[in-house]
Amino acid sequence: MLEIKSSDYKIYSKFIENLAKKLTKFYYSKLNKSFKVSNKLKGKGYDPVTSADKKFEKFIRKEIKKNFPNHQVIGEEFGHKKSKSNYSWVIDPIDGTRSFVIGNPTWSNLISLNYKGNPILGLANFPILKKFYLNSSDKTSYVFENGKKRKLKVNKKATFSNMKLSAAFHGSLSLEQQKKIPQILKRMQFPCADALSYSHFAEGKIDVVLQCSNKIWDIHPIIPIVKAAGGIISTWNNEKAIKAGNIICSSNKSIHNKVLKILKPISKKI
């Protein structure tokens, strides 16, 4: 375990909890209106960014700077502010920008606090759904909703035969590759909705989540929440999830190993 004191966890988790509430207020007071959309890829695909993404990230950076001015900050929209600190914040101001653009309520603000490069605290805040998920230590995570908090725990009783699986390939798998994993395709019977699927996994509502093409800001905030809820998270090659890319979350080791085995014919090639 990394050398983080319980008192440090309390300080940072309280800051993150308060930040989640501020972000939702900021959305409804400043951003719940028309916005501009542009395409980062400019004709080579579609990767939207909105004026709201940028305003959210500026707001988050300002709050971090006010409280922890020496910490490093890595954001999707405004890059890396380096320092000599062992602490770094990784920000996805709007995870699920496509959902945001079309009015789907599943988008979120994702933030992680990393210590020596490892995510130790994470936040997934859903302003439209009026709830947020965070961990307060390496063993405890919560969902906050309707003024109450509820401890998160994955569904350890799930088996491979009865598991609820949610998956999204985000255009990363060709049809030929998909044909090599029919056991996955036929089990994809539950919607996959950005970080909300990982959050539902931590609640025990879904037993396996598969997603492709995660960036560090997509997955670093999720890692500590999922682990504190008892979940297993890795890449499809069974490497550490902090590398990002193609990610699998499973509620127990038995399921995790079976799904990794099924993915093996394609996991080395993507």
C-alpha atoms as a PDB file:
ATOM      1  CA  MET A   1       0.000   0.000   0.000  1.00  0.00           C
ATOM      2  CA  LEU A   2       1.193   3.542  -0.756  1.00  0.00           C
ATOM      3  CA  GLU A   3       2.295   5.678   2.193  1.00  0.00           C
ATOM      4  CA  ILE A   4      -0.899   7.700   2.615  1.00  0.00           C
ATOM      5  CA  LYS A   5      -2.102   8.486   6.123  1.00  0.00           C
ATOM      6  CA  SER A   6      -5.766   8.072   7.001  1.00  0.00           C
ATOM      7  CA  SER A   7      -5.761  11.763   7.979  1.00  0.00           C
ATOM      8  CA  ASP A   8      -4.639  12.653   4.435  1.00  0.00           C
ATOM      9  CA  TYR A   9      -7.425  10.538   2.975  1.00  0.00           C
ATOM     10  CA  LYS A  10      -9.911  12.488   5.103  1.00  0.00           C
ATOM     11  CA  ILE A  11      -8.607  15.868   3.986  1.00  0.00           C
ATOM     12  CA  TYR A  12      -8.636  15.005   0.290  1.00  0.00           C
ATOM     13  CA  SER A  13     -11.903  13.036   0.260  1.00  0.00           C
ATOM     14  CA  LYS A  14     -13.673  15.914   2.039  1.00  0.00           C
ATOM     15  CA  PHE A  15     -12.327  18.334  -0.563  1.00  0.00           C
ATOM     16  CA  ILE A  16     -13.561  16.042  -3.360  1.00  0.00           C
ATOM     17  CA  GLU A  17     -16.984  15.625  -1.752  1.00  0.00           C
ATOM     18  CA  ASN A  18     -17.381  19.409  -1.494  1.00  0.00           C
ATOM     19  CA  LEU A  19     -16.076  19.832  -5.043  1.00  0.00           C
ATOM     20  CA  ALA A  20     -18.742  17.442  -6.366  1.00  0.00           C
ATOM     21  CA  LYS A  21     -21.473  19.606  -4.834  1.00  0.00           C
ATOM     22  CA  LYS A  22     -19.863  22.775  -6.199  1.00  0.00           C
ATOM     23  CA  LEU A  23     -19.648  21.265  -9.698  1.00  0.00           C
ATOM     24  CA  THR A  24     -23.349  20.484  -9.786  1.00  0.00           C
ATOM     25  CA  LYS A  25     -24.203  24.002  -8.578  1.00  0.00           C
ATOM     26  CA  PHE A  26     -21.803  25.457 -11.150  1.00  0.00           C
ATOM     27  CA  TYR A  27     -23.530  23.499 -13.905  1.00  0.00           C
ATOM     28  CA  TYR A  28     -27.023  24.692 -13.009  1.00  0.00           C
ATOM     29  CA  SER A  29     -25.972  28.299 -12.394  1.00  0.00           C
ATOM     30  CA  LYS A  30     -23.591  28.788 -15.342  1.00  0.00           C
ATOM     31  CA  LEU A  31     -23.673  25.965 -17.885  1.00  0.00           C
ATOM     32  CA  ASN A  32     -27.269  24.751 -18.159  1.00  0.00           C
ATOM     33  CA  LYS A  33     -27.799  26.626 -21.423  1.00  0.00           C
ATOM     34  CA  SER A  34     -26.812  26.490 -25.085  1.00  0.00           C
ATOM     35  CA  PHE A  35     -23.153  25.703 -25.789  1.00  0.00           C
ATOM     36  CA  LYS A  36     -20.674  25.562 -28.661  1.00  0.00           C
ATOM     37  CA  VAL A  37     -19.455  22.232 -30.064  1.00  0.00           C
ATOM     38  CA  SER A  38     -16.276  21.663 -32.072  1.00  0.00           C
ATOM     39  CA  ASN A  39     -14.574  18.531 -33.397  1.00  0.00           C
ATOM     40  CA  LYS A  40     -11.030  17.884 -32.139  1.00  0.00           C
ATOM     41  CA  LEU A  41     -10.299  15.508 -35.036  1.00  0.00           C
ATOM     42  CA  LYS A  42     -11.349  17.911 -37.828  1.00  0.00           C
ATOM     43  CA  GLY A  43     -12.404  15.540 -40.604  1.00  0.00           C
ATOM     44  CA  LYS A  44     -10.417  12.503 -39.401  1.00  0.00           C
ATOM     45  CA  GLY A  45     -13.210  11.222 -37.180  1.00  0.00           C
ATOM     46  CA  TYR A  46     -15.422  12.688 -34.505  1.00  0.00           C
ATOM     47  CA  ASP A  47     -14.233  13.676 -31.040  1.00  0.00           C
ATOM     48  CA  PRO A  48     -16.445  16.509 -29.787  1.00  0.00           C
ATOM     49  CA  VAL A  49     -15.485  19.134 -27.253  1.00  0.00           C
ATOM     50  CA  THR A  50     -17.867  21.812 -25.986  1.00  0.00           C
ATOM     51  CA  SER A  51     -17.476  25.199 -24.383  1.00  0.00           C
ATOM     52  CA  ALA A  52     -18.869  23.552 -21.224  1.00  0.00           C
ATOM     53  CA  ASP A  53     -15.955  21.045 -21.125  1.00  0.00           C
ATOM     54  CA  LYS A  54     -13.500  23.940 -21.026  1.00  0.00           C
ATOM     55  CA  LYS A  55     -15.441  25.938 -18.431  1.00  0.00           C
ATOM     56  CA  PHE A  56     -15.767  22.889 -16.166  1.00  0.00           C
ATOM     57  CA  GLU A  57     -12.033  22.197 -16.365  1.00  0.00           C
ATOM     58  CA  LYS A  58     -11.116  25.815 -15.628  1.00  0.00           C
ATOM     59  CA  PHE A  59     -13.424  25.731 -12.601  1.00  0.00           C
ATOM     60  CA  ILE A  60     -11.881  22.473 -11.304  1.00  0.00           C
ATOM     61  CA  ARG A  61      -8.319  23.720 -11.826  1.00  0.00           C
ATOM     62  CA  LYS A  62      -9.144  26.929  -9.954  1.00  0.00           C
ATOM     63  CA  GLU A  63     -10.524  24.971  -6.965  1.00  0.00           C
ATOM     64  CA  ILE A  64      -7.449  22.707  -6.858  1.00  0.00           C
ATOM     65  CA  LYS A  65      -5.045  25.647  -7.143  1.00  0.00           C
ATOM     66  CA  LYS A  66      -6.845  27.466  -4.316  1.00  0.00           C
ATOM     67  CA  ASN A  67      -6.536  24.480  -1.963  1.00  0.00           C
ATOM     68  CA  PHE A  68      -3.421  22.627  -3.166  1.00  0.00           C
ATOM     69  CA  PRO A  69      -1.340  25.117  -5.164  1.00  0.00           C
ATOM     70  CA  ASN A  70       1.759  22.883  -5.408  1.00  0.00           C
ATOM     71  CA  HIS A  71      -0.012  19.816  -6.799  1.00  0.00           C
ATOM     72  CA  GLN A  72       0.328  18.758 -10.430  1.00  0.00           C
ATOM     73  CA  VAL A  73      -2.772  18.871 -12.641  1.00  0.00           C
ATOM     74  CA  ILE A  74      -3.441  16.820 -15.792  1.00  0.00           C
ATOM     75  CA  GLY A  75      -6.603  17.741 -17.687  1.00  0.00           C
ATOM     76  CA  GLU A  76      -8.091  16.557 -20.959  1.00  0.00           C
ATOM     77  CA  GLU A  77      -8.570  20.062 -22.313  1.00  0.00           C
ATOM     78  CA  PHE A  78      -5.680  22.118 -20.875  1.00  0.00           C
ATOM     79  CA  GLY A  79      -2.814  19.671 -20.511  1.00  0.00           C
ATOM     80  CA  HIS A  80      -0.306  19.056 -17.735  1.00  0.00           C
ATOM     81  CA  LYS A  81       0.711  21.606 -15.102  1.00  0.00           C
ATOM     82  CA  LYS A  82       3.908  20.056 -13.738  1.00  0.00           C
ATOM     83  CA  SER A  83       5.501  20.491 -10.321  1.00  0.00           C
ATOM     84  CA  LYS A  84       7.763  18.506  -7.981  1.00  0.00           C
ATOM     85  CA  SER A  85       4.784  17.329  -5.923  1.00  0.00           C
ATOM     86  CA  ASN A  86       4.069  13.590  -5.582  1.00  0.00           C
ATOM     87  CA  TYR A  87       0.382  14.455  -5.911  1.00  0.00           C
ATOM     88  CA  SER A  88      -1.339  14.935  -9.257  1.00  0.00           C
ATOM     89  CA  TRP A  89      -4.965  15.520 -10.188  1.00  0.00           C
ATOM     90  CA  VAL A  90      -6.323  13.916 -13.365  1.00  0.00           C
ATOM     91  CA  ILE A  91      -9.416  15.615 -14.800  1.00  0.00           C
ATOM     92  CA  ASP A  92     -12.039  14.703 -17.378  1.00  0.00           C
ATOM     93  CA  PRO A  93     -14.299  17.763 -17.180  1.00  0.00           C
ATOM     94  CA  ILE A  94     -17.091  16.012 -19.080  1.00  0.00           C
ATOM     95  CA  ASP A  95     -16.821  12.260 -19.489  1.00  0.00           C
ATOM     96  CA  GLY A  96     -19.348  11.346 -22.151  1.00  0.00           C
ATOM     97  CA  THR A  97     -19.269  14.550 -24.204  1.00  0.00           C
ATOM     98  CA  ARG A  98     -21.311  12.827 -26.924  1.00  0.00           C
ATOM     99  CA  SER A  99     -24.002  12.135 -24.319  1.00  0.00           C
ATOM    100  CA  PHE A 100     -23.790  15.756 -23.171  1.00  0.00           C
ATOM    101  CA  VAL A 101     -24.201  17.036 -26.745  1.00  0.00           C
ATOM    102  CA  ILE A 102     -27.423  15.082 -27.355  1.00  0.00           C
ATOM    103  CA  GLY A 103     -28.924  15.674 -23.910  1.00  0.00           C
ATOM    104  CA  ASN A 104     -28.334  12.190 -22.498  1.00  0.00           C
ATOM    105  CA  PRO A 105     -28.031  12.570 -18.678  1.00  0.00           C
ATOM    106  CA  THR A 106     -25.266   9.954 -18.237  1.00  0.00           C
ATOM    107  CA  TRP A 107     -22.323  12.368 -18.641  1.00  0.00           C
ATOM    108  CA  SER A 108     -20.178  13.140 -15.593  1.00  0.00           C
ATOM    109  CA  ASN A 109     -17.255  15.070 -14.151  1.00  0.00           C
ATOM    110  CA  LEU A 110     -14.378  12.650 -13.471  1.00  0.00           C
ATOM    111  CA  ILE A 111     -11.479  13.547 -11.173  1.00  0.00           C
ATOM    112  CA  SER A 112      -8.767  11.460  -9.547  1.00  0.00           C
ATOM    113  CA  LEU A 113      -6.070  12.290  -7.042  1.00  0.00           C
ATOM    114  CA  ASN A 114      -2.909  10.323  -7.783  1.00  0.00           C
ATOM    115  CA  TYR A 115       0.010   9.772  -5.429  1.00  0.00           C
ATOM    116  CA  LYS A 116       3.282   8.936  -7.169  1.00  0.00           C
ATOM    117  CA  GLY A 117       1.276   8.180 -10.303  1.00  0.00           C
ATOM    118  CA  ASN A 118      -1.237   5.847  -8.660  1.00  0.00           C
ATOM    119  CA  PRO A 119      -4.913   6.829  -8.307  1.00  0.00           C
ATOM    120  CA  ILE A 120      -5.837   6.888  -4.610  1.00  0.00           C
ATOM    121  CA  LEU A 121      -9.107   8.845  -4.675  1.00  0.00           C
ATOM    122  CA  GLY A 122     -11.704   9.155  -7.395  1.00  0.00           C
ATOM    123  CA  LEU A 123     -14.861  11.104  -8.136  1.00  0.00           C
ATOM    124  CA  ALA A 124     -17.609  10.458 -10.670  1.00  0.00           C
ATOM    125  CA  ASN A 125     -20.134  13.294 -10.394  1.00  0.00           C
ATOM    126  CA  PHE A 126     -23.412  13.193 -12.364  1.00  0.00           C
ATOM    127  CA  PRO A 127     -25.012  16.671 -12.234  1.00  0.00           C
ATOM    128  CA  ILE A 128     -28.206  15.787 -14.142  1.00  0.00           C
ATOM    129  CA  LEU A 129     -28.748  12.598 -12.121  1.00  0.00           C
ATOM    130  CA  LYS A 130     -27.935  14.571  -8.946  1.00  0.00           C
ATOM    131  CA  LYS A 131     -25.632  11.937  -7.492  1.00  0.00           C
ATOM    132  CA  PHE A 132     -21.919  11.293  -7.198  1.00  0.00           C
ATOM    133  CA  TYR A 133     -19.595   8.407  -6.425  1.00  0.00           C
ATOM    134  CA  LEU A 134     -16.315   8.626  -4.516  1.00  0.00           C
ATOM    135  CA  ASN A 135     -14.024   6.588  -2.282  1.00  0.00           C
ATOM    136  CA  SER A 136     -12.868   7.822   1.109  1.00  0.00           C
ATOM    137  CA  SER A 137     -10.086   5.223   1.513  1.00  0.00           C
ATOM    138  CA  ASP A 138      -8.673   2.215  -0.301  1.00  0.00           C
ATOM    139  CA  LYS A 139     -11.394   0.051   1.257  1.00  0.00           C
ATOM    140  CA  THR A 140     -14.508   2.249   1.319  1.00  0.00           C
ATOM    141  CA  SER A 141     -16.461   3.983  -1.435  1.00  0.00           C
ATOM    142  CA  TYR A 142     -19.906   5.567  -1.502  1.00  0.00           C
ATOM    143  CA  VAL A 143     -22.682   6.886  -3.687  1.00  0.00           C
ATOM    144  CA  PHE A 144     -24.178  10.180  -2.489  1.00  0.00           C
ATOM    145  CA  GLU A 145     -27.815  10.724  -3.499  1.00  0.00           C
ATOM    146  CA  ASN A 146     -30.810  12.591  -2.042  1.00  0.00           C
ATOM    147  CA  GLY A 147     -28.740  13.903   0.848  1.00  0.00           C
ATOM    148  CA  LYS A 148     -27.709  10.391   1.915  1.00  0.00           C
ATOM    149  CA  LYS A 149     -24.657   8.243   1.305  1.00  0.00           C
ATOM    150  CA  ARG A 150     -24.640   4.505   0.698  1.00  0.00           C
ATOM    151  CA  LYS A 151     -21.611   2.228   0.821  1.00  0.00           C
ATOM    152  CA  LEU A 152     -20.685   0.578  -2.461  1.00  0.00           C
ATOM    153  CA  LYS A 153     -20.072  -3.122  -2.855  1.00  0.00           C
ATOM    154  CA  VAL A 154     -19.741  -5.183  -6.024  1.00  0.00           C
ATOM    155  CA  ASN A 155     -21.829  -8.318  -6.480  1.00  0.00           C
ATOM    156  CA  LYS A 156     -19.384 -10.994  -5.329  1.00  0.00           C
ATOM    157  CA  LYS A 157     -22.011 -13.724  -5.750  1.00  0.00           C
ATOM    158  CA  ALA A 158     -22.191 -13.343  -9.527  1.00  0.00           C
ATOM    159  CA  THR A 159     -21.144 -16.308 -11.646  1.00  0.00           C
ATOM    160  CA  PHE A 160     -20.087 -16.469 -15.274  1.00  0.00           C
ATOM    161  CA  SER A 161     -23.382 -18.121 -16.244  1.00  0.00           C
ATOM    162  CA  ASN A 162     -25.623 -15.476 -14.658  1.00  0.00           C
ATOM    163  CA  MET A 163     -23.433 -12.357 -14.896  1.00  0.00           C
ATOM    164  CA  LYS A 164     -24.822  -9.036 -16.100  1.00  0.00           C
ATOM    165  CA  LEU A 165     -22.393  -7.720 -18.707  1.00  0.00           C
ATOM    166  CA  SER A 166     -22.209  -4.199 -20.122  1.00  0.00           C
ATOM    167  CA  ALA A 167     -19.829  -3.416 -22.992  1.00  0.00           C
ATOM    168  CA  ALA A 168     -18.948  -0.674 -25.474  1.00  0.00           C
ATOM    169  CA  PHE A 169     -16.252  -0.969 -28.128  1.00  0.00           C
ATOM    170  CA  HIS A 170     -16.272   2.694 -29.247  1.00  0.00           C
ATOM    171  CA  GLY A 171     -15.361   1.718 -32.811  1.00  0.00           C
ATOM    172  CA  SER A 172     -12.138  -0.008 -31.695  1.00  0.00           C
ATOM    173  CA  LEU A 173     -13.071  -3.552 -32.758  1.00  0.00           C
ATOM    174  CA  SER A 174     -13.516  -4.556 -36.386  1.00  0.00           C
ATOM    175  CA  LEU A 175     -16.311  -6.921 -37.372  1.00  0.00           C
ATOM    176  CA  GLU A 176     -13.714  -9.666 -37.823  1.00  0.00           C
ATOM    177  CA  GLN A 177     -12.459  -9.160 -34.282  1.00  0.00           C
ATOM    178  CA  GLN A 178     -15.988  -9.146 -32.899  1.00  0.00           C
ATOM    179  CA  LYS A 179     -16.683 -12.472 -34.616  1.00  0.00           C
ATOM    180  CA  LYS A 180     -13.888 -14.004 -32.500  1.00  0.00           C
ATOM    181  CA  ILE A 181     -15.684 -13.198 -29.227  1.00  0.00           C
ATOM    182  CA  PRO A 182     -19.262 -14.495 -29.751  1.00  0.00           C
ATOM    183  CA  GLN A 183     -19.610 -15.357 -26.047  1.00  0.00           C
ATOM    184  CA  ILE A 184     -19.178 -11.669 -25.264  1.00  0.00           C
ATOM    185  CA  LEU A 185     -21.499 -10.426 -27.994  1.00  0.00           C
ATOM    186  CA  LYS A 186     -24.408 -12.624 -26.957  1.00  0.00           C
ATOM    187  CA  ARG A 187     -24.037 -11.513 -23.329  1.00  0.00           C
ATOM    188  CA  MET A 188     -24.023  -7.769 -24.088  1.00  0.00           C
ATOM    189  CA  GLN A 189     -27.579  -7.343 -22.857  1.00  0.00           C
ATOM    190  CA  PHE A 190     -27.187  -4.328 -20.538  1.00  0.00           C
ATOM    191  CA  PRO A 191     -26.675  -0.713 -21.674  1.00  0.00           C
ATOM    192  CA  CYS A 192     -23.200   0.789 -21.472  1.00  0.00           C
ATOM    193  CA  ALA A 193     -23.272   4.486 -20.631  1.00  0.00           C
ATOM    194  CA  ASP A 194     -19.892   6.112 -20.147  1.00  0.00           C
ATOM    195  CA  ALA A 195     -18.641   6.219 -16.527  1.00  0.00           C
ATOM    196  CA  LEU A 196     -22.140   5.450 -15.249  1.00  0.00           C
ATOM    197  CA  SER A 197     -21.605   1.795 -16.175  1.00  0.00           C
ATOM    198  CA  TYR A 198     -18.467   1.615 -14.024  1.00  0.00           C
ATOM    199  CA  SER A 199     -20.402   3.342 -11.229  1.00  0.00           C
ATOM    200  CA  HIS A 200     -23.287   0.863 -11.513  1.00  0.00           C
ATOM    201  CA  PHE A 201     -20.708  -1.914 -11.392  1.00  0.00           C
ATOM    202  CA  ALA A 202     -19.391  -0.545  -8.076  1.00  0.00           C
ATOM    203  CA  GLU A 203     -22.991  -0.599  -6.786  1.00  0.00           C
ATOM    204  CA  GLY A 204     -23.371  -4.277  -7.677  1.00  0.00           C
ATOM    205  CA  LYS A 205     -25.961  -3.625 -10.398  1.00  0.00           C
ATOM    206  CA  ILE A 206     -23.681  -4.879 -13.198  1.00  0.00           C
ATOM    207  CA  ASP A 207     -21.138  -7.696 -12.814  1.00  0.00           C
ATOM    208  CA  VAL A 208     -18.766  -7.045 -15.733  1.00  0.00           C
ATOM    209  CA  VAL A 209     -17.953  -3.892 -17.711  1.00  0.00           C
ATOM    210  CA  LEU A 210     -15.871  -3.928 -20.893  1.00  0.00           C
ATOM    211  CA  GLN A 211     -14.860  -0.704 -22.597  1.00  0.00           C
ATOM    212  CA  CYS A 212     -12.340   0.167 -25.292  1.00  0.00           C
ATOM    213  CA  SER A 213     -10.132   3.187 -25.851  1.00  0.00           C
ATOM    214  CA  ASN A 214     -10.145   4.692 -22.355  1.00  0.00           C
ATOM    215  CA  LYS A 215      -7.745   7.592 -21.816  1.00  0.00           C
ATOM    216  CA  ILE A 216      -6.136   8.102 -18.388  1.00  0.00           C
ATOM    217  CA  TRP A 217      -8.736  10.736 -17.446  1.00  0.00           C
ATOM    218  CA  ASP A 218     -11.526   8.298 -18.345  1.00  0.00           C
ATOM    219  CA  ILE A 219     -10.276   5.536 -16.075  1.00  0.00           C
ATOM    220  CA  HIS A 220      -7.981   6.861 -13.324  1.00  0.00           C
ATOM    221  CA  PRO A 221     -10.925   8.376 -11.383  1.00  0.00           C
ATOM    222  CA  ILE A 222     -12.806   5.068 -11.666  1.00  0.00           C
ATOM    223  CA  ILE A 223      -9.988   2.788 -10.443  1.00  0.00           C
ATOM    224  CA  PRO A 224     -10.029   3.697  -6.706  1.00  0.00           C
ATOM    225  CA  ILE A 225     -13.842   3.724  -6.547  1.00  0.00           C
ATOM    226  CA  VAL A 226     -14.081   0.252  -8.085  1.00  0.00           C
ATOM    227  CA  LYS A 227     -11.247  -1.225  -6.016  1.00  0.00           C
ATOM    228  CA  ALA A 228     -12.645   0.162  -2.752  1.00  0.00           C
ATOM    229  CA  ALA A 229     -15.988  -1.472  -3.622  1.00  0.00           C
ATOM    230  CA  GLY A 230     -14.232  -4.847  -3.970  1.00  0.00           C
ATOM    231  CA  GLY A 231     -14.031  -4.980  -7.751  1.00  0.00           C
ATOM    232  CA  ILE A 232     -11.224  -6.206  -9.995  1.00  0.00           C
ATOM    233  CA  ILE A 233     -10.042  -3.897 -12.765  1.00  0.00           C
ATOM    234  CA  SER A 234      -7.357  -4.378 -15.409  1.00  0.00           C
ATOM    235  CA  THR A 235      -6.645  -3.998 -19.104  1.00  0.00           C
ATOM    236  CA  TRP A 236      -7.763  -6.741 -21.489  1.00  0.00           C
ATOM    237  CA  ASN A 237      -4.155  -7.985 -21.356  1.00  0.00           C
ATOM    238  CA  ASN A 238      -4.461  -8.243 -17.566  1.00  0.00           C
ATOM    239  CA  GLU A 239      -2.092  -5.330 -17.018  1.00  0.00           C
ATOM    240  CA  LYS A 240      -2.659  -2.491 -14.546  1.00  0.00           C
ATOM    241  CA  ALA A 241      -5.645  -0.337 -15.452  1.00  0.00           C
ATOM    242  CA  ILE A 242      -3.642   2.865 -14.919  1.00  0.00           C
ATOM    243  CA  LYS A 243      -2.228   2.222 -18.414  1.00  0.00           C
ATOM    244  CA  ALA A 244      -5.763   2.927 -19.732  1.00  0.00           C
ATOM    245  CA  GLY A 245      -6.835   1.610 -23.146  1.00  0.00           C
ATOM    246  CA  ASN A 246      -9.178  -1.388 -23.149  1.00  0.00           C
ATOM    247  CA  ILE A 247     -10.555  -1.980 -19.654  1.00  0.00           C
ATOM    248  CA  ILE A 248     -12.360  -4.818 -17.904  1.00  0.00           C
ATOM    249  CA  CYS A 249     -14.023  -4.643 -14.483  1.00  0.00           C
ATOM    250  CA  SER A 250     -15.241  -7.869 -12.861  1.00  0.00           C
ATOM    251  CA  SER A 251     -16.923  -8.564  -9.551  1.00  0.00           C
ATOM    252  CA  ASN A 252     -14.741 -11.594  -8.736  1.00  0.00           C
ATOM    253  CA  LYS A 253     -11.563 -13.333  -9.864  1.00  0.00           C
ATOM    254  CA  SER A 254     -13.334 -16.330 -11.393  1.00  0.00           C
ATOM    255  CA  ILE A 255     -15.359 -14.199 -13.809  1.00  0.00           C
ATOM    256  CA  HIS A 256     -12.386 -11.939 -14.527  1.00  0.00           C
ATOM    257  CA  ASN A 257     -10.164 -14.836 -15.582  1.00  0.00           C
ATOM    258  CA  LYS A 258     -12.860 -16.428 -17.766  1.00  0.00           C
ATOM    259  CA  VAL A 259     -13.609 -13.193 -19.612  1.00  0.00           C
ATOM    260  CA  LEU A 260      -9.892 -12.466 -20.092  1.00  0.00           C
ATOM    261  CA  LYS A 261      -9.508 -15.927 -21.634  1.00  0.00           C
ATOM    262  CA  ILE A 262     -12.393 -15.255 -24.046  1.00  0.00           C
ATOM    263  CA  LEU A 263     -10.827 -11.908 -25.028  1.00  0.00           C
ATOM    264  CA  LYS A 264      -7.373 -13.408 -25.626  1.00  0.00           C
ATOM    265  CA  PRO A 265      -7.776 -13.995 -29.411  1.00  0.00           C
ATOM    266  CA  ILE A 266      -8.194 -10.236 -29.923  1.00  0.00           C
ATOM    267  CA  SER A 267      -6.608  -8.579 -26.891  1.00  0.00           C
ATOM    268  CA  LYS A 268      -3.068  -8.856 -28.237  1.00  0.00           C
ATOM    269  CA  LYS A 269      -4.023  -7.146 -31.500  1.00  0.00           C
ATOM    270  CA  ILE A 270      -5.732  -4.002 -30.207  1.00  0.00           C
END
